[in-house]
Amino acid sequence: GIIMPLSEGDIVKANITSVSKSTGGCPGAL
């Protein structure tokens, strides 16, 4: 649960293809 100490990193473009829906007790995801 700790914040990952950063050495280096980058960002890239992304595309969302589908969604797993959230329900009570179970969060979904993009």
mmCIF file of all heavy atoms, coordinates in Angstrom:
data_MODEL
# 
_entry.id   MODEL 
# 
loop_
_atom_site.group_PDB 
_atom_site.id 
_atom_site.type_symbol 
_atom_site.label_atom_id 
_atom_site.label_alt_id 
_atom_site.label_comp_id 
_atom_site.label_asym_id 
_atom_site.label_entity_id 
_atom_site.label_seq_id 
_atom_site.pdbx_PDB_ins_code 
_atom_site.Cartn_x 
_atom_site.Cartn_y 
_atom_site.Cartn_z 
_atom_site.occupancy 
_atom_site.B_iso_or_equiv 
_atom_site.pdbx_formal_charge 
_atom_site.auth_seq_id 
_atom_site.auth_comp_id 
_atom_site.auth_asym_id 
_atom_site.auth_atom_id 
_atom_site.pdbx_PDB_model_num 
ATOM 1   N N   . GLY A 1 1  ? 0.786   -1.221 0.000   1.00 0.00 ? 1  GLY A N   1 
ATOM 2   C CA  . GLY A 1 1  ? 0.000   0.000  0.000   1.00 0.00 ? 1  GLY A CA  1 
ATOM 3   C C   . GLY A 1 1  ? 0.818   1.271  0.000   1.00 0.00 ? 1  GLY A C   1 
ATOM 4   O O   . GLY A 1 1  ? 0.257   2.370  -0.028  1.00 0.00 ? 1  GLY A O   1 
ATOM 5   N N   . ILE A 1 2  ? 2.151   1.168  -0.016  1.00 0.00 ? 2  ILE A N   1 
ATOM 6   C CA  . ILE A 1 2  ? 2.972   2.387  -0.016  1.00 0.00 ? 2  ILE A CA  1 
ATOM 7   C C   . ILE A 1 2  ? 3.085   2.938  -1.430  1.00 0.00 ? 2  ILE A C   1 
ATOM 8   O O   . ILE A 1 2  ? 2.954   2.213  -2.421  1.00 0.00 ? 2  ILE A O   1 
ATOM 9   C CB  . ILE A 1 2  ? 4.378   2.127  0.557   1.00 0.00 ? 2  ILE A CB  1 
ATOM 10  C CG1 . ILE A 1 2  ? 5.225   1.295  -0.423  1.00 0.00 ? 2  ILE A CG1 1 
ATOM 11  C CG2 . ILE A 1 2  ? 4.332   1.484  1.920   1.00 0.00 ? 2  ILE A CG2 1 
ATOM 12  C CD1 . ILE A 1 2  ? 6.700   1.372  -0.145  1.00 0.00 ? 2  ILE A CD1 1 
ATOM 13  N N   . ILE A 1 3  ? 3.330   4.244  -1.532  1.00 0.00 ? 3  ILE A N   1 
ATOM 14  C CA  . ILE A 1 3  ? 3.523   4.878  -2.834  1.00 0.00 ? 3  ILE A CA  1 
ATOM 15  C C   . ILE A 1 3  ? 4.857   4.424  -3.405  1.00 0.00 ? 3  ILE A C   1 
ATOM 16  O O   . ILE A 1 3  ? 5.888   4.482  -2.734  1.00 0.00 ? 3  ILE A O   1 
ATOM 17  C CB  . ILE A 1 3  ? 3.464   6.405  -2.714  1.00 0.00 ? 3  ILE A CB  1 
ATOM 18  C CG1 . ILE A 1 3  ? 2.042   6.835  -2.343  1.00 0.00 ? 3  ILE A CG1 1 
ATOM 19  C CG2 . ILE A 1 3  ? 3.904   7.077  -4.010  1.00 0.00 ? 3  ILE A CG2 1 
ATOM 20  C CD1 . ILE A 1 3  ? 1.862   8.319  -2.195  1.00 0.00 ? 3  ILE A CD1 1 
ATOM 21  N N   . MET A 1 4  ? 4.844   3.949  -4.641  1.00 0.00 ? 4  MET A N   1 
ATOM 22  C CA  . MET A 1 4  ? 6.052   3.434  -5.274  1.00 0.00 ? 4  MET A CA  1 
ATOM 23  C C   . MET A 1 4  ? 7.070   4.553  -5.447  1.00 0.00 ? 4  MET A C   1 
ATOM 24  O O   . MET A 1 4  ? 6.781   5.583  -6.079  1.00 0.00 ? 4  MET A O   1 
ATOM 25  C CB  . MET A 1 4  ? 5.714   2.846  -6.640  1.00 0.00 ? 4  MET A CB  1 
ATOM 26  C CG  . MET A 1 4  ? 4.660   1.757  -6.616  1.00 0.00 ? 4  MET A CG  1 
ATOM 27  S SD  . MET A 1 4  ? 5.299   0.160  -6.096  1.00 0.00 ? 4  MET A SD  1 
ATOM 28  C CE  . MET A 1 4  ? 6.085   -0.397 -7.605  1.00 0.00 ? 4  MET A CE  1 
ATOM 29  N N   . PRO A 1 5  ? 8.290   4.409  -4.876  1.00 0.00 ? 5  PRO A N   1 
ATOM 30  C CA  . PRO A 1 5  ? 9.313   5.443  -5.035  1.00 0.00 ? 5  PRO A CA  1 
ATOM 31  C C   . PRO A 1 5  ? 9.776   5.501  -6.487  1.00 0.00 ? 5  PRO A C   1 
ATOM 32  O O   . PRO A 1 5  ? 10.128  4.486  -7.078  1.00 0.00 ? 5  PRO A O   1 
ATOM 33  C CB  . PRO A 1 5  ? 10.437  4.985  -4.101  1.00 0.00 ? 5  PRO A CB  1 
ATOM 34  C CG  . PRO A 1 5  ? 10.238  3.499  -3.971  1.00 0.00 ? 5  PRO A CG  1 
ATOM 35  C CD  . PRO A 1 5  ? 8.763   3.268  -4.069  1.00 0.00 ? 5  PRO A CD  1 
ATOM 36  N N   . LEU A 1 6  ? 9.751   6.678  -7.072  1.00 0.00 ? 6  LEU A N   1 
ATOM 37  C CA  . LEU A 1 6  ? 10.000  6.824  -8.509  1.00 0.00 ? 6  LEU A CA  1 
ATOM 38  C C   . LEU A 1 6  ? 11.474  7.046  -8.814  1.00 0.00 ? 6  LEU A C   1 
ATOM 39  O O   . LEU A 1 6  ? 12.116  7.930  -8.245  1.00 0.00 ? 6  LEU A O   1 
ATOM 40  C CB  . LEU A 1 6  ? 9.179   8.006  -9.053  1.00 0.00 ? 6  LEU A CB  1 
ATOM 41  C CG  . LEU A 1 6  ? 9.379   8.350  -10.527 1.00 0.00 ? 6  LEU A CG  1 
ATOM 42  C CD1 . LEU A 1 6  ? 8.790   7.252  -11.415 1.00 0.00 ? 6  LEU A CD1 1 
ATOM 43  C CD2 . LEU A 1 6  ? 8.747   9.695  -10.866 1.00 0.00 ? 6  LEU A CD2 1 
ATOM 44  N N   . SER A 1 7  ? 11.989  6.230  -9.712  1.00 0.00 ? 7  SER A N   1 
ATOM 45  C CA  . SER A 1 7  ? 13.313  6.456  -10.273 1.00 0.00 ? 7  SER A CA  1 
ATOM 46  C C   . SER A 1 7  ? 13.171  7.157  -11.618 1.00 0.00 ? 7  SER A C   1 
ATOM 47  O O   . SER A 1 7  ? 13.756  8.200  -11.865 1.00 0.00 ? 7  SER A O   1 
ATOM 48  C CB  . SER A 1 7  ? 14.066  5.139  -10.454 1.00 0.00 ? 7  SER A CB  1 
ATOM 49  O OG  . SER A 1 7  ? 15.271  5.332  -11.162 1.00 0.00 ? 7  SER A OG  1 
ATOM 50  N N   . GLU A 1 8  ? 12.351  6.588  -12.472 1.00 0.00 ? 8  GLU A N   1 
ATOM 51  C CA  . GLU A 1 8  ? 12.039  7.193  -13.769 1.00 0.00 ? 8  GLU A CA  1 
ATOM 52  C C   . GLU A 1 8  ? 10.737  6.602  -14.278 1.00 0.00 ? 8  GLU A C   1 
ATOM 53  O O   . GLU A 1 8  ? 10.261  5.582  -13.776 1.00 0.00 ? 8  GLU A O   1 
ATOM 54  C CB  . GLU A 1 8  ? 13.166  6.949  -14.768 1.00 0.00 ? 8  GLU A CB  1 
ATOM 55  C CG  . GLU A 1 8  ? 13.465  5.482  -15.011 1.00 0.00 ? 8  GLU A CG  1 
ATOM 56  C CD  . GLU A 1 8  ? 14.664  5.269  -15.906 1.00 0.00 ? 8  GLU A CD  1 
ATOM 57  O OE1 . GLU A 1 8  ? 15.791  5.511  -15.459 1.00 0.00 ? 8  GLU A OE1 1 
ATOM 58  O OE2 . GLU A 1 8  ? 14.439  4.867  -17.067 1.00 0.00 ? 8  GLU A OE2 1 
ATOM 59  N N   . GLY A 1 9  ? 10.165  7.248  -15.264 1.00 0.00 ? 9  GLY A N   1 
ATOM 60  C CA  . GLY A 1 9  ? 8.915   6.749  -15.831 1.00 0.00 ? 9  GLY A CA  1 
ATOM 61  C C   . GLY A 1 9  ? 8.494   7.573  -17.027 1.00 0.00 ? 9  GLY A C   1 
ATOM 62  O O   . GLY A 1 9  ? 9.015   8.670  -17.259 1.00 0.00 ? 9  GLY A O   1 
ATOM 63  N N   . ASP A 1 10 ? 7.561   7.057  -17.770 1.00 0.00 ? 10 ASP A N   1 
ATOM 64  C CA  . ASP A 1 10 ? 7.058   7.808  -18.913 1.00 0.00 ? 10 ASP A CA  1 
ATOM 65  C C   . ASP A 1 10 ? 5.579   7.544  -19.115 1.00 0.00 ? 10 ASP A C   1 
ATOM 66  O O   . ASP A 1 10 ? 4.988   6.659  -18.494 1.00 0.00 ? 10 ASP A O   1 
ATOM 67  C CB  . ASP A 1 10 ? 7.854   7.501  -20.186 1.00 0.00 ? 10 ASP A CB  1 
ATOM 68  C CG  . ASP A 1 10 ? 7.736   6.047  -20.627 1.00 0.00 ? 10 ASP A CG  1 
ATOM 69  O OD1 . ASP A 1 10 ? 7.117   5.245  -19.903 1.00 0.00 ? 10 ASP A OD1 1 
ATOM 70  O OD2 . ASP A 1 10 ? 8.257   5.709  -21.705 1.00 0.00 ? 10 ASP A OD2 1 
ATOM 71  N N   . ILE A 1 11 ? 4.977   8.355  -19.966 1.00 0.00 ? 11 ILE A N   1 
ATOM 72  C CA  . ILE A 1 11 ? 3.573   8.200  -20.317 1.00 0.00 ? 11 ILE A CA  1 
ATOM 73  C C   . ILE A 1 11 ? 3.453   7.942  -21.814 1.00 0.00 ? 11 ILE A C   1 
ATOM 74  O O   . ILE A 1 11 ? 4.294   8.395  -22.608 1.00 0.00 ? 11 ILE A O   1 
ATOM 75  C CB  . ILE A 1 11 ? 2.730   9.430  -19.927 1.00 0.00 ? 11 ILE A CB  1 
ATOM 76  C CG1 . ILE A 1 11 ? 3.242   10.681 -20.649 1.00 0.00 ? 11 ILE A CG1 1 
ATOM 77  C CG2 . ILE A 1 11 ? 2.748   9.647  -18.435 1.00 0.00 ? 11 ILE A CG2 1 
ATOM 78  C CD1 . ILE A 1 11 ? 2.358   11.888 -20.473 1.00 0.00 ? 11 ILE A CD1 1 
ATOM 79  N N   . VAL A 1 12 ? 2.439   7.200  -22.183 1.00 0.00 ? 12 VAL A N   1 
ATOM 80  C CA  . VAL A 1 12 ? 2.187   6.898  -23.592 1.00 0.00 ? 12 VAL A CA  1 
ATOM 81  C C   . VAL A 1 12 ? 0.694   7.026  -23.863 1.00 0.00 ? 12 VAL A C   1 
ATOM 82  O O   . VAL A 1 12 ? -0.125  7.022  -22.940 1.00 0.00 ? 12 VAL A O   1 
ATOM 83  C CB  . VAL A 1 12 ? 2.657   5.464  -23.951 1.00 0.00 ? 12 VAL A CB  1 
ATOM 84  C CG1 . VAL A 1 12 ? 4.162   5.343  -23.837 1.00 0.00 ? 12 VAL A CG1 1 
ATOM 85  C CG2 . VAL A 1 12 ? 1.968   4.434  -23.063 1.00 0.00 ? 12 VAL A CG2 1 
ATOM 86  N N   . LYS A 1 13 ? 0.351   7.135  -25.100 1.00 0.00 ? 13 LYS A N   1 
ATOM 87  C CA  . LYS A 1 13 ? -1.057  7.198  -25.473 1.00 0.00 ? 13 LYS A CA  1 
ATOM 88  C C   . LYS A 1 13 ? -1.716  5.842  -25.236 1.00 0.00 ? 13 LYS A C   1 
ATOM 89  O O   . LYS A 1 13 ? -1.074  4.798  -25.298 1.00 0.00 ? 13 LYS A O   1 
ATOM 90  C CB  . LYS A 1 13 ? -1.189  7.591  -26.942 1.00 0.00 ? 13 LYS A CB  1 
ATOM 91  C CG  . LYS A 1 13 ? -0.736  9.017  -27.234 1.00 0.00 ? 13 LYS A CG  1 
ATOM 92  C CD  . LYS A 1 13 ? -0.920  9.354  -28.701 1.00 0.00 ? 13 LYS A CD  1 
ATOM 93  C CE  . LYS A 1 13 ? -0.499  10.790 -28.991 1.00 0.00 ? 13 LYS A CE  1 
ATOM 94  N NZ  . LYS A 1 13 ? -0.666  11.143 -30.426 1.00 0.00 ? 13 LYS A NZ  1 
ATOM 95  N N   . ALA A 1 14 ? -3.016  5.884  -24.930 1.00 0.00 ? 14 ALA A N   1 
ATOM 96  C CA  . ALA A 1 14 ? -3.748  4.650  -24.647 1.00 0.00 ? 14 ALA A CA  1 
ATOM 97  C C   . ALA A 1 14 ? -5.136  4.697  -25.271 1.00 0.00 ? 14 ALA A C   1 
ATOM 98  O O   . ALA A 1 14 ? -5.686  5.773  -25.536 1.00 0.00 ? 14 ALA A O   1 
ATOM 99  C CB  . ALA A 1 14 ? -3.852  4.436  -23.137 1.00 0.00 ? 14 ALA A CB  1 
ATOM 100 N N   . ASN A 1 15 ? -5.701  3.528  -25.488 1.00 0.00 ? 15 ASN A N   1 
ATOM 101 C CA  . ASN A 1 15 ? -7.047  3.369  -26.031 1.00 0.00 ? 15 ASN A CA  1 
ATOM 102 C C   . ASN A 1 15 ? -7.854  2.460  -25.105 1.00 0.00 ? 15 ASN A C   1 
ATOM 103 O O   . ASN A 1 15 ? -7.357  1.436  -24.648 1.00 0.00 ? 15 ASN A O   1 
ATOM 104 C CB  . ASN A 1 15 ? -6.999  2.741  -27.419 1.00 0.00 ? 15 ASN A CB  1 
ATOM 105 C CG  . ASN A 1 15 ? -7.301  3.754  -28.514 1.00 0.00 ? 15 ASN A CG  1 
ATOM 106 O OD1 . ASN A 1 15 ? -6.685  4.812  -28.566 1.00 0.00 ? 15 ASN A OD1 1 
ATOM 107 N ND2 . ASN A 1 15 ? -8.235  3.428  -29.388 1.00 0.00 ? 15 ASN A ND2 1 
ATOM 108 N N   . ILE A 1 16 ? -9.100  2.838  -24.854 1.00 0.00 ? 16 ILE A N   1 
ATOM 109 C CA  . ILE A 1 16 ? -9.998  2.017  -24.053 1.00 0.00 ? 16 ILE A CA  1 
ATOM 110 C C   . ILE A 1 16 ? -10.812 1.132  -24.995 1.00 0.00 ? 16 ILE A C   1 
ATOM 111 O O   . ILE A 1 16 ? -11.457 1.629  -25.921 1.00 0.00 ? 16 ILE A O   1 
ATOM 112 C CB  . ILE A 1 16 ? -10.941 2.869  -23.192 1.00 0.00 ? 16 ILE A CB  1 
ATOM 113 C CG1 . ILE A 1 16 ? -10.127 3.819  -22.304 1.00 0.00 ? 16 ILE A CG1 1 
ATOM 114 C CG2 . ILE A 1 16 ? -11.840 1.988  -22.341 1.00 0.00 ? 16 ILE A CG2 1 
ATOM 115 C CD1 . ILE A 1 16 ? -9.163  3.139  -21.375 1.00 0.00 ? 16 ILE A CD1 1 
ATOM 116 N N   . THR A 1 17 ? -10.780 -0.186 -24.754 1.00 0.00 ? 17 THR A N   1 
ATOM 117 C CA  . THR A 1 17 ? -11.471 -1.126 -25.640 1.00 0.00 ? 17 THR A CA  1 
ATOM 118 C C   . THR A 1 17 ? -12.778 -1.647 -25.059 1.00 0.00 ? 17 THR A C   1 
ATOM 119 O O   . THR A 1 17 ? -13.697 -1.994 -25.805 1.00 0.00 ? 17 THR A O   1 
ATOM 120 C CB  . THR A 1 17 ? -10.564 -2.325 -25.962 1.00 0.00 ? 17 THR A CB  1 
ATOM 121 O OG1 . THR A 1 17 ? -10.130 -2.935 -24.725 1.00 0.00 ? 17 THR A OG1 1 
ATOM 122 C CG2 . THR A 1 17 ? -9.334  -1.862 -26.743 1.00 0.00 ? 17 THR A CG2 1 
ATOM 123 N N   . SER A 1 18 ? -12.857 -1.744 -23.729 1.00 0.00 ? 18 SER A N   1 
ATOM 124 C CA  . SER A 1 18 ? -14.069 -2.258 -23.099 1.00 0.00 ? 18 SER A CA  1 
ATOM 125 C C   . SER A 1 18 ? -14.100 -1.841 -21.636 1.00 0.00 ? 18 SER A C   1 
ATOM 126 O O   . SER A 1 18 ? -13.129 -1.293 -21.108 1.00 0.00 ? 18 SER A O   1 
ATOM 127 C CB  . SER A 1 18 ? -14.131 -3.792 -23.212 1.00 0.00 ? 18 SER A CB  1 
ATOM 128 O OG  . SER A 1 18 ? -13.039 -4.383 -22.541 1.00 0.00 ? 18 SER A OG  1 
ATOM 129 N N   . VAL A 1 19 ? -15.229 -2.123 -20.990 1.00 0.00 ? 19 VAL A N   1 
ATOM 130 C CA  . VAL A 1 19 ? -15.398 -1.771 -19.585 1.00 0.00 ? 19 VAL A CA  1 
ATOM 131 C C   . VAL A 1 19 ? -15.928 -2.967 -18.818 1.00 0.00 ? 19 VAL A C   1 
ATOM 132 O O   . VAL A 1 19 ? -16.890 -3.610 -19.231 1.00 0.00 ? 19 VAL A O   1 
ATOM 133 C CB  . VAL A 1 19 ? -16.380 -0.586 -19.414 1.00 0.00 ? 19 VAL A CB  1 
ATOM 134 C CG1 . VAL A 1 19 ? -16.569 -0.272 -17.942 1.00 0.00 ? 19 VAL A CG1 1 
ATOM 135 C CG2 . VAL A 1 19 ? -15.890 0.648  -20.159 1.00 0.00 ? 19 VAL A CG2 1 
ATOM 136 N N   . SER A 1 20 ? -15.279 -3.253 -17.705 1.00 0.00 ? 20 SER A N   1 
ATOM 137 C CA  . SER A 1 20 ? -15.813 -4.219 -16.752 1.00 0.00 ? 20 SER A CA  1 
ATOM 138 C C   . SER A 1 20 ? -16.616 -3.424 -15.728 1.00 0.00 ? 20 SER A C   1 
ATOM 139 O O   . SER A 1 20 ? -16.055 -2.612 -14.998 1.00 0.00 ? 20 SER A O   1 
ATOM 140 C CB  . SER A 1 20 ? -14.664 -4.985 -16.069 1.00 0.00 ? 20 SER A CB  1 
ATOM 141 O OG  . SER A 1 20 ? -15.146 -5.781 -15.009 1.00 0.00 ? 20 SER A OG  1 
ATOM 142 N N   . LYS A 1 21 ? -17.932 -3.621 -15.702 1.00 0.00 ? 21 LYS A N   1 
ATOM 143 C CA  . LYS A 1 21 ? -18.811 -2.779 -14.886 1.00 0.00 ? 21 LYS A CA  1 
ATOM 144 C C   . LYS A 1 21 ? -18.588 -2.983 -13.395 1.00 0.00 ? 21 LYS A C   1 
ATOM 145 O O   . LYS A 1 21 ? -18.298 -4.085 -12.935 1.00 0.00 ? 21 LYS A O   1 
ATOM 146 C CB  . LYS A 1 21 ? -20.283 -3.050 -15.220 1.00 0.00 ? 21 LYS A CB  1 
ATOM 147 C CG  . LYS A 1 21 ? -20.722 -2.576 -16.581 1.00 0.00 ? 21 LYS A CG  1 
ATOM 148 C CD  . LYS A 1 21 ? -22.215 -2.825 -16.800 1.00 0.00 ? 21 LYS A CD  1 
ATOM 149 C CE  . LYS A 1 21 ? -23.082 -1.996 -15.893 1.00 0.00 ? 21 LYS A CE  1 
ATOM 150 N NZ  . LYS A 1 21 ? -24.516 -2.076 -16.228 1.00 0.00 ? 21 LYS A NZ  1 
ATOM 151 N N   . SER A 1 22 ? -18.755 -1.880 -12.658 1.00 0.00 ? 22 SER A N   1 
ATOM 152 C CA  . SER A 1 22 ? -18.727 -1.952 -11.201 1.00 0.00 ? 22 SER A CA  1 
ATOM 153 C C   . SER A 1 22 ? -20.074 -2.427 -10.679 1.00 0.00 ? 22 SER A C   1 
ATOM 154 O O   . SER A 1 22 ? -21.128 -2.065 -11.206 1.00 0.00 ? 22 SER A O   1 
ATOM 155 C CB  . SER A 1 22 ? -18.421 -0.571 -10.604 1.00 0.00 ? 22 SER A CB  1 
ATOM 156 O OG  . SER A 1 22 ? -17.063 -0.244 -10.723 1.00 0.00 ? 22 SER A OG  1 
ATOM 157 N N   . THR A 1 23 ? -20.012 -3.241 -9.650  1.00 0.00 ? 23 THR A N   1 
ATOM 158 C CA  . THR A 1 23 ? -21.217 -3.655 -8.921  1.00 0.00 ? 23 THR A CA  1 
ATOM 159 C C   . THR A 1 23 ? -20.926 -3.514 -7.433  1.00 0.00 ? 23 THR A C   1 
ATOM 160 O O   . THR A 1 23 ? -19.770 -3.357 -7.034  1.00 0.00 ? 23 THR A O   1 
ATOM 161 C CB  . THR A 1 23 ? -21.600 -5.109 -9.241  1.00 0.00 ? 23 THR A CB  1 
ATOM 162 O OG1 . THR A 1 23 ? -20.499 -5.960 -8.901  1.00 0.00 ? 23 THR A OG1 1 
ATOM 163 C CG2 . THR A 1 23 ? -21.936 -5.274 -10.710 1.00 0.00 ? 23 THR A CG2 1 
ATOM 164 N N   . GLY A 1 24 ? -21.951 -3.531 -6.622  1.00 0.00 ? 24 GLY A N   1 
ATOM 165 C CA  . GLY A 1 24 ? -21.758 -3.404 -5.194  1.00 0.00 ? 24 GLY A CA  1 
ATOM 166 C C   . GLY A 1 24 ? -20.801 -4.455 -4.655  1.00 0.00 ? 24 GLY A C   1 
ATOM 167 O O   . GLY A 1 24 ? -21.045 -5.644 -4.810  1.00 0.00 ? 24 GLY A O   1 
ATOM 168 N N   . GLY A 1 25 ? -19.697 -4.024 -4.058  1.00 0.00 ? 25 GLY A N   1 
ATOM 169 C CA  . GLY A 1 25 ? -18.709 -4.940 -3.508  1.00 0.00 ? 25 GLY A CA  1 
ATOM 170 C C   . GLY A 1 25 ? -17.628 -5.356 -4.475  1.00 0.00 ? 25 GLY A C   1 
ATOM 171 O O   . GLY A 1 25 ? -16.660 -6.013 -4.080  1.00 0.00 ? 25 GLY A O   1 
ATOM 172 N N   . CYS A 1 26 ? -17.757 -4.969 -5.747  1.00 0.00 ? 26 CYS A N   1 
ATOM 173 C CA  . CYS A 1 26 ? -16.762 -5.378 -6.756  1.00 0.00 ? 26 CYS A CA  1 
ATOM 174 C C   . CYS A 1 26 ? -16.544 -4.239 -7.754  1.00 0.00 ? 26 CYS A C   1 
ATOM 175 O O   . CYS A 1 26 ? -17.351 -4.063 -8.675  1.00 0.00 ? 26 CYS A O   1 
ATOM 176 C CB  . CYS A 1 26 ? -17.233 -6.633 -7.481  1.00 0.00 ? 26 CYS A CB  1 
ATOM 177 S SG  . CYS A 1 26 ? -16.036 -7.258 -8.682  1.00 0.00 ? 26 CYS A SG  1 
ATOM 178 N N   . PRO A 1 27 ? -15.468 -3.455 -7.586  1.00 0.00 ? 27 PRO A N   1 
ATOM 179 C CA  . PRO A 1 27 ? -15.215 -2.365 -8.518  1.00 0.00 ? 27 PRO A CA  1 
ATOM 180 C C   . PRO A 1 27 ? -14.812 -2.890 -9.893  1.00 0.00 ? 27 PRO A C   1 
ATOM 181 O O   . PRO A 1 27 ? -14.080 -3.884 -10.003 1.00 0.00 ? 27 PRO A O   1 
ATOM 182 C CB  . PRO A 1 27 ? -14.056 -1.607 -7.860  1.00 0.00 ? 27 PRO A CB  1 
ATOM 183 C CG  . PRO A 1 27 ? -13.380 -2.610 -6.992  1.00 0.00 ? 27 PRO A CG  1 
ATOM 184 C CD  . PRO A 1 27 ? -14.461 -3.531 -6.505  1.00 0.00 ? 27 PRO A CD  1 
ATOM 185 N N   . GLY A 1 28 ? -15.307 -2.254 -10.932 1.00 0.00 ? 28 GLY A N   1 
ATOM 186 C CA  . GLY A 1 28 ? -14.962 -2.636 -12.297 1.00 0.00 ? 28 GLY A CA  1 
ATOM 187 C C   . GLY A 1 28 ? -13.681 -1.964 -12.755 1.00 0.00 ? 28 GLY A C   1 
ATOM 188 O O   . GLY A 1 28 ? -12.931 -1.399 -11.960 1.00 0.00 ? 28 GLY A O   1 
ATOM 189 N N   . ALA A 1 29 ? -13.422 -2.009 -14.067 1.00 0.00 ? 29 ALA A N   1 
ATOM 190 C CA  . ALA A 1 29 ? -12.183 -1.441 -14.586 1.00 0.00 ? 29 ALA A CA  1 
ATOM 191 C C   . ALA A 1 29 ? -12.332 -1.095 -16.057 1.00 0.00 ? 29 ALA A C   1 
ATOM 192 O O   . ALA A 1 29 ? -13.105 -1.728 -16.790 1.00 0.00 ? 29 ALA A O   1 
ATOM 193 C CB  . ALA A 1 29 ? -11.028 -2.416 -14.395 1.00 0.00 ? 29 ALA A CB  1 
ATOM 194 N N   . LEU A 1 30 ? -11.588 -0.077 -16.481 1.00 0.00 ? 30 LEU A N   1 
ATOM 195 C CA  . LEU A 1 30 ? -11.440 0.227  -17.892 1.00 0.00 ? 30 LEU A CA  1 
ATOM 196 C C   . LEU A 1 30 ? -10.398 -0.720 -18.460 1.00 0.00 ? 30 LEU A C   1 
ATOM 197 O O   . LEU A 1 30 ? -9.323  -0.892 -17.884 1.00 0.00 ? 30 LEU A O   1 
ATOM 198 C CB  . LEU A 1 30 ? -10.989 1.673  -18.099 1.00 0.00 ? 30 LEU A CB  1 
ATOM 199 C CG  . LEU A 1 30 ? -11.932 2.783  -17.627 1.00 0.00 ? 30 LEU A CG  1 
ATOM 200 C CD1 . LEU A 1 30 ? -11.291 4.154  -17.840 1.00 0.00 ? 30 LEU A CD1 1 
ATOM 201 C CD2 . LEU A 1 30 ? -13.264 2.707  -18.351 1.00 0.00 ? 30 LEU A CD2 1 
# 
